Amino acid sequence: MALGCCSLTLGLNRYATICTSETRCIVIAAYESCRDKSKTMGSDEAAACYLTAGALELAQAAGVFNAGARGWRTAQRRVATDATAIPSHECARTL
């Protein structure tokens, strides 16, 4: 809830809506209930996951795609594929 208030104060209305939504509570509860049951990702999988999530978030914020709009899944797939195609040593240089 605090993150939602902070996001709203900063003018990040989309994030504020996400942070305060009922769906967010359901997702977090589901994650907490199954966290101990699932396998832990290795470092390569975790790095790919975070890299892809970051690329998708930046692409959406930049207007590369708008979730739900026509053709957004194709654009989303392209962003994710491009993000994971960069060699890891190149990623480290860009950070």
PDB file of N, CA and C in Angstrom:
ATOM      1  N   MET A   1       0.816  -1.175   0.000  1.00  0.00           N
ATOM      2  CA  MET A   1       0.000   0.000   0.000  1.00  0.00           C
ATOM      3  C   MET A   1       0.870   1.253   0.000  1.00  0.00           C
ATOM      4  N   ALA A   2       1.986   1.232   0.737  1.00  0.00           N
ATOM      5  CA  ALA A   2       2.877   2.390   0.795  1.00  0.00           C
ATOM      6  C   ALA A   2       3.487   2.663  -0.577  1.00  0.00           C
ATOM      7  N   LEU A   3       3.835   1.603  -1.294  1.00  0.00           N
ATOM      8  CA  LEU A   3       4.391   1.781  -2.631  1.00  0.00           C
ATOM      9  C   LEU A   3       3.360   2.412  -3.562  1.00  0.00           C
ATOM     10  N   GLY A   4       2.097   2.055  -3.413  1.00  0.00           N
ATOM     11  CA  GLY A   4       1.031   2.655  -4.205  1.00  0.00           C
ATOM     12  C   GLY A   4       0.903   4.142  -3.929  1.00  0.00           C
ATOM     13  N   CYS A   5       0.968   4.531  -2.679  1.00  0.00           N
ATOM     14  CA  CYS A   5       0.886   5.950  -2.307  1.00  0.00           C
ATOM     15  C   CYS A   5       2.083   6.721  -2.849  1.00  0.00           C
ATOM     16  N   CYS A   6       3.252   6.128  -2.732  1.00  0.00           N
ATOM     17  CA  CYS A   6       4.472   6.760  -3.245  1.00  0.00           C
ATOM     18  C   CYS A   6       4.385   6.928  -4.763  1.00  0.00           C
ATOM     19  N   SER A   7       3.932   5.900  -5.444  1.00  0.00           N
ATOM     20  CA  SER A   7       3.795   5.955  -6.901  1.00  0.00           C
ATOM     21  C   SER A   7       2.810   7.038  -7.316  1.00  0.00           C
ATOM     22  N   LEU A   8       1.720   7.146  -6.598  1.00  0.00           N
ATOM     23  CA  LEU A   8       0.710   8.164  -6.893  1.00  0.00           C
ATOM     24  C   LEU A   8       1.289   9.566  -6.704  1.00  0.00           C
ATOM     25  N   THR A   9       2.044   9.749  -5.632  1.00  0.00           N
ATOM     26  CA  THR A   9       2.679  11.038  -5.362  1.00  0.00           C
ATOM     27  C   THR A   9       3.646  11.432  -6.472  1.00  0.00           C
ATOM     28  N   LEU A  10       4.331  10.431  -7.034  1.00  0.00           N
ATOM     29  CA  LEU A  10       5.295  10.687  -8.109  1.00  0.00           C
ATOM     30  C   LEU A  10       4.647  10.796  -9.478  1.00  0.00           C
ATOM     31  N   GLY A  11       3.338  10.656  -9.523  1.00  0.00           N
ATOM     32  CA  GLY A  11       2.629  10.762 -10.793  1.00  0.00           C
ATOM     33  C   GLY A  11       2.658   9.489 -11.616  1.00  0.00           C
ATOM     34  N   LEU A  12       3.014   8.384 -10.995  1.00  0.00           N
ATOM     35  CA  LEU A  12       3.072   7.092 -11.680  1.00  0.00           C
ATOM     36  C   LEU A  12       1.756   6.358 -11.438  1.00  0.00           C
ATOM     37  N   ASN A  13       0.712   6.862 -12.053  1.00  0.00           N
ATOM     38  CA  ASN A  13      -0.635   6.368 -11.788  1.00  0.00           C
ATOM     39  C   ASN A  13      -0.810   4.895 -12.125  1.00  0.00           C
ATOM     40  N   ARG A  14      -0.187   4.440 -13.215  1.00  0.00           N
ATOM     41  CA  ARG A  14      -0.329   3.029 -13.595  1.00  0.00           C
ATOM     42  C   ARG A  14       0.246   2.122 -12.507  1.00  0.00           C
ATOM     43  N   TYR A  15       1.412   2.496 -11.980  1.00  0.00           N
ATOM     44  CA  TYR A  15       2.015   1.704 -10.903  1.00  0.00           C
ATOM     45  C   TYR A  15       1.172   1.768  -9.632  1.00  0.00           C
ATOM     46  N   ALA A  16       0.638   2.941  -9.329  1.00  0.00           N
ATOM     47  CA  ALA A  16      -0.199   3.094  -8.141  1.00  0.00           C
ATOM     48  C   ALA A  16      -1.419   2.192  -8.226  1.00  0.00           C
ATOM     49  N   THR A  17      -2.024   2.127  -9.401  1.00  0.00           N
ATOM     50  CA  THR A  17      -3.198   1.270  -9.596  1.00  0.00           C
ATOM     51  C   THR A  17      -2.835  -0.193  -9.389  1.00  0.00           C
ATOM     52  N   ILE A  18      -1.698  -0.588  -9.930  1.00  0.00           N
ATOM     53  CA  ILE A  18      -1.247  -1.977  -9.777  1.00  0.00           C
ATOM     54  C   ILE A  18      -0.961  -2.294  -8.307  1.00  0.00           C
ATOM     55  N   CYS A  19      -0.254  -1.402  -7.640  1.00  0.00           N
ATOM     56  CA  CYS A  19       0.156  -1.638  -6.251  1.00  0.00           C
ATOM     57  C   CYS A  19      -1.012  -1.707  -5.276  1.00  0.00           C
ATOM     58  N   THR A  20      -2.121  -1.080  -5.617  1.00  0.00           N
ATOM     59  CA  THR A  20      -3.248  -1.052  -4.693  1.00  0.00           C
ATOM     60  C   THR A  20      -4.410  -1.942  -5.139  1.00  0.00           C
ATOM     61  N   SER A  21      -4.197  -2.724  -6.182  1.00  0.00           N
ATOM     62  CA  SER A  21      -5.300  -3.518  -6.730  1.00  0.00           C
ATOM     63  C   SER A  21      -5.557  -4.798  -5.928  1.00  0.00           C
ATOM     64  N   GLU A  22      -6.768  -5.267  -6.035  1.00  0.00           N
ATOM     65  CA  GLU A  22      -7.166  -6.535  -5.420  1.00  0.00           C
ATOM     66  C   GLU A  22      -6.390  -7.694  -6.064  1.00  0.00           C
ATOM     67  N   THR A  23      -6.168  -7.596  -7.371  1.00  0.00           N
ATOM     68  CA  THR A  23      -5.435  -8.643  -8.097  1.00  0.00           C
ATOM     69  C   THR A  23      -4.035  -8.809  -7.529  1.00  0.00           C
ATOM     70  N   ARG A  24      -3.372  -7.689  -7.193  1.00  0.00           N
ATOM     71  CA  ARG A  24      -2.033  -7.734  -6.621  1.00  0.00           C
ATOM     72  C   ARG A  24      -2.035  -8.558  -5.327  1.00  0.00           C
ATOM     73  N   CYS A  25      -3.033  -8.346  -4.496  1.00  0.00           N
ATOM     74  CA  CYS A  25      -3.135  -9.089  -3.237  1.00  0.00           C
ATOM     75  C   CYS A  25      -3.301 -10.588  -3.496  1.00  0.00           C
ATOM     76  N   ILE A  26      -4.118 -10.926  -4.479  1.00  0.00           N
ATOM     77  CA  ILE A  26      -4.342 -12.334  -4.820  1.00  0.00           C
ATOM     78  C   ILE A  26      -3.065 -12.976  -5.344  1.00  0.00           C
ATOM     79  N   VAL A  27      -2.354 -12.244  -6.214  1.00  0.00           N
ATOM     80  CA  VAL A  27      -1.113 -12.772  -6.792  1.00  0.00           C
ATOM     81  C   VAL A  27      -0.064 -12.989  -5.712  1.00  0.00           C
ATOM     82  N   ILE A  28       0.092 -12.029  -4.834  1.00  0.00           N
ATOM     83  CA  ILE A  28       1.094 -12.161  -3.763  1.00  0.00           C
ATOM     84  C   ILE A  28       0.733 -13.315  -2.829  1.00  0.00           C
ATOM     85  N   ALA A  29      -0.527 -13.470  -2.495  1.00  0.00           N
ATOM     86  CA  ALA A  29      -0.951 -14.587  -1.640  1.00  0.00           C
ATOM     87  C   ALA A  29      -0.673 -15.926  -2.323  1.00  0.00           C
ATOM     88  N   ALA A  30      -0.943 -16.009  -3.619  1.00  0.00           N
ATOM     89  CA  ALA A  30      -0.667 -17.252  -4.351  1.00  0.00           C
ATOM     90  C   ALA A  30       0.825 -17.535  -4.402  1.00  0.00           C
ATOM     91  N   TYR A  31       1.616 -16.499  -4.608  1.00  0.00           N
ATOM     92  CA  TYR A  31       3.077 -16.662  -4.632  1.00  0.00           C
ATOM     93  C   TYR A  31       3.579 -17.164  -3.282  1.00  0.00           C
ATOM     94  N   GLU A  32       3.121 -16.535  -2.223  1.00  0.00           N
ATOM     95  CA  GLU A  32       3.559 -16.930  -0.885  1.00  0.00           C
ATOM     96  C   GLU A  32       3.177 -18.372  -0.574  1.00  0.00           C
ATOM     97  N   SER A  33       1.996 -18.806  -1.021  1.00  0.00           N
ATOM     98  CA  SER A  33       1.546 -20.159  -0.691  1.00  0.00           C
ATOM     99  C   SER A  33       2.305 -21.236  -1.460  1.00  0.00           C
ATOM    100  N   CYS A  34       2.839 -20.899  -2.630  1.00  0.00           N
ATOM    101  CA  CYS A  34       3.529 -21.940  -3.404  1.00  0.00           C
ATOM    102  C   CYS A  34       5.030 -21.733  -3.482  1.00  0.00           C
ATOM    103  N   ARG A  35       5.545 -20.685  -2.874  1.00  0.00           N
ATOM    104  CA  ARG A  35       6.983 -20.392  -2.957  1.00  0.00           C
ATOM    105  C   ARG A  35       7.837 -21.560  -2.470  1.00  0.00           C
ATOM    106  N   ASP A  36       7.447 -22.159  -1.369  1.00  0.00           N
ATOM    107  CA  ASP A  36       8.233 -23.253  -0.814  1.00  0.00           C
ATOM    108  C   ASP A  36       8.108 -24.532  -1.626  1.00  0.00           C
ATOM    109  N   LYS A  37       7.066 -24.654  -2.433  1.00  0.00           N
ATOM    110  CA  LYS A  37       6.836 -25.870  -3.208  1.00  0.00           C
ATOM    111  C   LYS A  37       7.595 -25.884  -4.535  1.00  0.00           C
ATOM    112  N   SER A  38       7.990 -24.708  -5.018  1.00  0.00           N
ATOM    113  CA  SER A  38       8.612 -24.641  -6.344  1.00  0.00           C
ATOM    114  C   SER A  38      10.122 -24.665  -6.239  1.00  0.00           C
ATOM    115  N   LYS A  39      10.747 -25.073  -7.344  1.00  0.00           N
ATOM    116  CA  LYS A  39      12.201 -25.112  -7.399  1.00  0.00           C
ATOM    117  C   LYS A  39      12.758 -23.700  -7.462  1.00  0.00           C
ATOM    118  N   THR A  40      13.975 -23.563  -6.996  1.00  0.00           N
ATOM    119  CA  THR A  40      14.659 -22.286  -7.076  1.00  0.00           C
ATOM    120  C   THR A  40      15.361 -22.193  -8.429  1.00  0.00           C
ATOM    121  N   MET A  41      15.300 -21.036  -9.044  1.00  0.00           N
ATOM    122  CA  MET A  41      15.988 -20.847 -10.314  1.00  0.00           C
ATOM    123  C   MET A  41      17.483 -20.766 -10.083  1.00  0.00           C
ATOM    124  N   GLY A  42      18.220 -21.219 -11.079  1.00  0.00           N
ATOM    125  CA  GLY A  42      19.661 -21.044 -11.053  1.00  0.00           C
ATOM    126  C   GLY A  42      20.001 -19.607 -11.408  1.00  0.00           C
ATOM    127  N   SER A  43      21.259 -19.248 -11.301  1.00  0.00           N
ATOM    128  CA  SER A  43      21.648 -17.859 -11.559  1.00  0.00           C
ATOM    129  C   SER A  43      21.404 -17.445 -13.003  1.00  0.00           C
ATOM    130  N   ASP A  44      21.611 -18.350 -13.958  1.00  0.00           N
ATOM    131  CA  ASP A  44      21.373 -18.015 -15.364  1.00  0.00           C
ATOM    132  C   ASP A  44      19.890 -17.761 -15.626  1.00  0.00           C
ATOM    133  N   GLU A  45      19.037 -18.632 -15.076  1.00  0.00           N
ATOM    134  CA  GLU A  45      17.591 -18.455 -15.252  1.00  0.00           C
ATOM    135  C   GLU A  45      17.106 -17.164 -14.588  1.00  0.00           C
ATOM    136  N   ALA A  46      17.618 -16.893 -13.403  1.00  0.00           N
ATOM    137  CA  ALA A  46      17.210 -15.675 -12.693  1.00  0.00           C
ATOM    138  C   ALA A  46      17.653 -14.432 -13.459  1.00  0.00           C
ATOM    139  N   ALA A  47      18.875 -14.452 -13.979  1.00  0.00           N
ATOM    140  CA  ALA A  47      19.368 -13.308 -14.747  1.00  0.00           C
ATOM    141  C   ALA A  47      18.520 -13.084 -15.993  1.00  0.00           C
ATOM    142  N   ALA A  48      18.175 -14.167 -16.693  1.00  0.00           N
ATOM    143  CA  ALA A  48      17.338 -14.051 -17.899  1.00  0.00           C
ATOM    144  C   ALA A  48      15.948 -13.532 -17.541  1.00  0.00           C
ATOM    145  N   CYS A  49      15.412 -13.991 -16.434  1.00  0.00           N
ATOM    146  CA  CYS A  49      14.091 -13.542 -15.989  1.00  0.00           C
ATOM    147  C   CYS A  49      14.091 -12.045 -15.693  1.00  0.00           C
ATOM    148  N   TYR A  50      15.058 -11.572 -14.931  1.00  0.00           N
ATOM    149  CA  TYR A  50      15.123 -10.159 -14.576  1.00  0.00           C
ATOM    150  C   TYR A  50      15.429  -9.287 -15.789  1.00  0.00           C
ATOM    151  N   LEU A  51      16.306  -9.765 -16.659  1.00  0.00           N
ATOM    152  CA  LEU A  51      16.637  -9.026 -17.868  1.00  0.00           C
ATOM    153  C   LEU A  51      15.413  -8.868 -18.760  1.00  0.00           C
ATOM    154  N   THR A  52      14.675  -9.952 -18.945  1.00  0.00           N
ATOM    155  CA  THR A  52      13.480  -9.922 -19.782  1.00  0.00           C
ATOM    156  C   THR A  52      12.400  -9.030 -19.163  1.00  0.00           C
ATOM    157  N   ALA A  53      12.187  -9.171 -17.871  1.00  0.00           N
ATOM    158  CA  ALA A  53      11.178  -8.345 -17.200  1.00  0.00           C
ATOM    159  C   ALA A  53      11.514  -6.862 -17.324  1.00  0.00           C
ATOM    160  N   GLY A  54      12.776  -6.522 -17.152  1.00  0.00           N
ATOM    161  CA  GLY A  54      13.204  -5.125 -17.275  1.00  0.00           C
ATOM    162  C   GLY A  54      13.017  -4.596 -18.686  1.00  0.00           C
ATOM    163  N   ALA A  55      13.391  -5.402 -19.668  1.00  0.00           N
ATOM    164  CA  ALA A  55      13.244  -4.985 -21.064  1.00  0.00           C
ATOM    165  C   ALA A  55      11.775  -4.780 -21.414  1.00  0.00           C
ATOM    166  N   LEU A  56      10.917  -5.677 -20.947  1.00  0.00           N
ATOM    167  CA  LEU A  56       9.485  -5.551 -21.220  1.00  0.00           C
ATOM    168  C   LEU A  56       8.897  -4.307 -20.559  1.00  0.00           C
ATOM    169  N   GLU A  57       9.300  -4.053 -19.336  1.00  0.00           N
ATOM    170  CA  GLU A  57       8.795  -2.882 -18.614  1.00  0.00           C
ATOM    171  C   GLU A  57       9.220  -1.589 -19.311  1.00  0.00           C
ATOM    172  N   LEU A  58      10.489  -1.521 -19.701  1.00  0.00           N
ATOM    173  CA  LEU A  58      10.979  -0.325 -20.391  1.00  0.00           C
ATOM    174  C   LEU A  58      10.303  -0.142 -21.744  1.00  0.00           C
ATOM    175  N   ALA A  59      10.119  -1.243 -22.473  1.00  0.00           N
ATOM    176  CA  ALA A  59       9.481  -1.171 -23.786  1.00  0.00           C
ATOM    177  C   ALA A  59       8.035  -0.684 -23.671  1.00  0.00           C
ATOM    178  N   GLN A  60       7.324  -1.193 -22.679  1.00  0.00           N
ATOM    179  CA  GLN A  60       5.940  -0.755 -22.513  1.00  0.00           C
ATOM    180  C   GLN A  60       5.893   0.716 -22.108  1.00  0.00           C
ATOM    181  N   ALA A  61       6.762   1.118 -21.202  1.00  0.00           N
ATOM    182  CA  ALA A  61       6.788   2.518 -20.766  1.00  0.00           C
ATOM    183  C   ALA A  61       7.164   3.453 -21.918  1.00  0.00           C
ATOM    184  N   ALA A  62       8.000   2.961 -22.847  1.00  0.00           N
ATOM    185  CA  ALA A  62       8.426   3.763 -23.996  1.00  0.00           C
ATOM    186  C   ALA A  62       7.407   3.754 -25.129  1.00  0.00           C
ATOM    187  N   GLY A  63       6.353   2.962 -24.979  1.00  0.00           N
ATOM    188  CA  GLY A  63       5.312   2.923 -25.995  1.00  0.00           C
ATOM    189  C   GLY A  63       5.583   1.966 -27.143  1.00  0.00           C
ATOM    190  N   VAL A  64       6.544   1.067 -26.963  1.00  0.00           N
ATOM    191  CA  VAL A  64       6.827   0.078 -28.002  1.00  0.00           C
ATOM    192  C   VAL A  64       5.616  -0.820 -28.217  1.00  0.00           C
ATOM    193  N   PHE A  65       4.927  -1.142 -27.141  1.00  0.00           N
ATOM    194  CA  PHE A  65       3.669  -1.875 -27.239  1.00  0.00           C
ATOM    195  C   PHE A  65       2.767  -1.441 -26.098  1.00  0.00           C
ATOM    196  N   ASN A  66       1.490  -1.667 -26.284  1.00  0.00           N
ATOM    197  CA  ASN A  66       0.497  -1.346 -25.267  1.00  0.00           C
ATOM    198  C   ASN A  66      -0.315  -2.610 -25.037  1.00  0.00           C
ATOM    199  N   ALA A  67      -0.155  -3.205 -23.880  1.00  0.00           N
ATOM    200  CA  ALA A  67      -0.824  -4.473 -23.585  1.00  0.00           C
ATOM    201  C   ALA A  67      -2.311  -4.383 -23.888  1.00  0.00           C
ATOM    202  N   GLY A  68      -2.770  -5.324 -24.684  1.00  0.00           N
ATOM    203  CA  GLY A  68      -4.171  -5.378 -25.065  1.00  0.00           C
ATOM    204  C   GLY A  68      -4.456  -4.756 -26.418  1.00  0.00           C
ATOM    205  N   ALA A  69      -3.545  -3.915 -26.901  1.00  0.00           N
ATOM    206  CA  ALA A  69      -3.749  -3.292 -28.212  1.00  0.00           C
ATOM    207  C   ALA A  69      -3.406  -4.292 -29.316  1.00  0.00           C
ATOM    208  N   ARG A  70      -3.884  -4.017 -30.495  1.00  0.00           N
ATOM    209  CA  ARG A  70      -3.631  -4.902 -31.630  1.00  0.00           C
ATOM    210  C   ARG A  70      -2.125  -5.076 -31.858  1.00  0.00           C
ATOM    211  N   GLY A  71      -1.697  -6.334 -31.968  1.00  0.00           N
ATOM    212  CA  GLY A  71      -0.303  -6.662 -32.251  1.00  0.00           C
ATOM    213  C   GLY A  71       0.634  -6.603 -31.061  1.00  0.00           C
ATOM    214  N   TRP A  72       0.085  -6.415 -29.862  1.00  0.00           N
ATOM    215  CA  TRP A  72       0.972  -6.253 -28.715  1.00  0.00           C
ATOM    216  C   TRP A  72       1.716  -7.523 -28.353  1.00  0.00           C
ATOM    217  N   ARG A  73       1.118  -8.673 -28.539  1.00  0.00           N
ATOM    218  CA  ARG A  73       1.805  -9.923 -28.194  1.00  0.00           C
ATOM    219  C   ARG A  73       3.012 -10.158 -29.098  1.00  0.00           C
ATOM    220  N   THR A  74       2.892  -9.827 -30.359  1.00  0.00           N
ATOM    221  CA  THR A  74       4.014  -9.972 -31.288  1.00  0.00           C
ATOM    222  C   THR A  74       5.148  -9.036 -30.884  1.00  0.00           C
ATOM    223  N   ALA A  75       4.810  -7.788 -30.569  1.00  0.00           N
ATOM    224  CA  ALA A  75       5.825  -6.824 -30.140  1.00  0.00           C
ATOM    225  C   ALA A  75       6.459  -7.248 -28.824  1.00  0.00           C
ATOM    226  N   GLN A  76       5.653  -7.759 -27.918  1.00  0.00           N
ATOM    227  CA  GLN A  76       6.152  -8.233 -26.626  1.00  0.00           C
ATOM    228  C   GLN A  76       7.125  -9.397 -26.820  1.00  0.00           C
ATOM    229  N   ARG A  77       6.759 -10.318 -27.691  1.00  0.00           N
ATOM    230  CA  ARG A  77       7.616 -11.473 -27.975  1.00  0.00           C
ATOM    231  C   ARG A  77       8.955 -11.017 -28.568  1.00  0.00           C
ATOM    232  N   ARG A  78       8.902 -10.034 -29.473  1.00  0.00           N
ATOM    233  CA  ARG A  78      10.125  -9.529 -30.096  1.00  0.00           C
ATOM    234  C   ARG A  78      11.042  -8.887 -29.050  1.00  0.00           C
ATOM    235  N   VAL A  79      10.477  -8.087 -28.146  1.00  0.00           N
ATOM    236  CA  VAL A  79      11.269  -7.445 -27.092  1.00  0.00           C
ATOM    237  C   VAL A  79      11.925  -8.504 -26.203  1.00  0.00           C
ATOM    238  N   ALA A  80      11.149  -9.509 -25.800  1.00  0.00           N
ATOM    239  CA  ALA A  80      11.683 -10.570 -24.929  1.00  0.00           C
ATOM    240  C   ALA A  80      12.773 -11.366 -25.640  1.00  0.00           C
ATOM    241  N   THR A  81      12.550 -11.681 -26.901  1.00  0.00           N
ATOM    242  CA  THR A  81      13.547 -12.437 -27.669  1.00  0.00           C
ATOM    243  C   THR A  81      14.820 -11.625 -27.838  1.00  0.00           C
ATOM    244  N   ASP A  82      14.674 -10.361 -28.178  1.00  0.00           N
ATOM    245  CA  ASP A  82      15.848  -9.497 -28.336  1.00  0.00           C
ATOM    246  C   ASP A  82      16.619  -9.357 -27.024  1.00  0.00           C
ATOM    247  N   ALA A  83      15.904  -9.247 -25.918  1.00  0.00           N
ATOM    248  CA  ALA A  83      16.559  -9.075 -24.614  1.00  0.00           C
ATOM    249  C   ALA A  83      17.389 -10.296 -24.248  1.00  0.00           C
ATOM    250  N   THR A  84      16.895 -11.469 -24.560  1.00  0.00           N
ATOM    251  CA  THR A  84      17.624 -12.688 -24.178  1.00  0.00           C
ATOM    252  C   THR A  84      18.663 -13.085 -25.222  1.00  0.00           C
ATOM    253  N   ALA A  85      18.674 -12.418 -26.371  1.00  0.00           N
ATOM    254  CA  ALA A  85      19.653 -12.739 -27.408  1.00  0.00           C
ATOM    255  C   ALA A  85      20.977 -12.018 -27.191  1.00  0.00           C
ATOM    256  N   ILE A  86      20.995 -11.030 -26.310  1.00  0.00           N
ATOM    257  CA  ILE A  86      22.224 -10.276 -26.048  1.00  0.00           C
ATOM    258  C   ILE A  86      23.145 -11.137 -25.183  1.00  0.00           C
ATOM    259  N   PRO A  87      24.407 -11.338 -25.603  1.00  0.00           N
ATOM    260  CA  PRO A  87      25.342 -12.117 -24.770  1.00  0.00           C
ATOM    261  C   PRO A  87      25.495 -11.491 -23.388  1.00  0.00           C
ATOM    262  N   SER A  88      25.668 -12.314 -22.370  1.00  0.00           N
ATOM    263  CA  SER A  88      25.694 -11.823 -20.985  1.00  0.00           C
ATOM    264  C   SER A  88      26.802 -10.804 -20.742  1.00  0.00           C
ATOM    265  N   HIS A  89      27.954 -10.939 -21.418  1.00  0.00           N
ATOM    266  CA  HIS A  89      29.022  -9.958 -21.209  1.00  0.00           C
ATOM    267  C   HIS A  89      28.642  -8.602 -21.788  1.00  0.00           C
ATOM    268  N   GLU A  90      27.791  -8.576 -22.817  1.00  0.00           N
ATOM    269  CA  GLU A  90      27.294  -7.319 -23.371  1.00  0.00           C
ATOM    270  C   GLU A  90      26.330  -6.662 -22.395  1.00  0.00           C
ATOM    271  N   CYS A  91      25.494  -7.465 -21.736  1.00  0.00           N
ATOM    272  CA  CYS A  91      24.550  -6.938 -20.756  1.00  0.00           C
ATOM    273  C   CYS A  91      25.288  -6.267 -19.619  1.00  0.00           C
ATOM    274  N   ALA A  92      26.339  -6.906 -19.142  1.00  0.00           N
ATOM    275  CA  ALA A  92      27.096  -6.359 -18.015  1.00  0.00           C
ATOM    276  C   ALA A  92      27.693  -5.001 -18.383  1.00  0.00           C
ATOM    277  N   ARG A  93      28.095  -4.846 -19.641  1.00  0.00           N
ATOM    278  CA  ARG A  93      28.663  -3.581 -20.076  1.00  0.00           C
ATOM    279  C   ARG A  93      27.630  -2.470 -20.135  1.00  0.00           C
ATOM    280  N   THR A  94      26.372  -2.820 -20.437  1.00  0.00           N
ATOM    281  CA  THR A  94      25.337  -1.796 -20.551  1.00  0.00           C
ATOM    282  C   THR A  94      24.784  -1.384 -19.197  1.00  0.00           C
ATOM    283  N   LEU A  95      25.003  -2.175 -18.150  1.00  0.00           N
ATOM    284  CA  LEU A  95      24.484  -1.833 -16.818  1.00  0.00           C
ATOM    285  C   LEU A  95      25.332  -0.846 -16.142  1.00  0.00           C
TER     286      LEU A  95
END
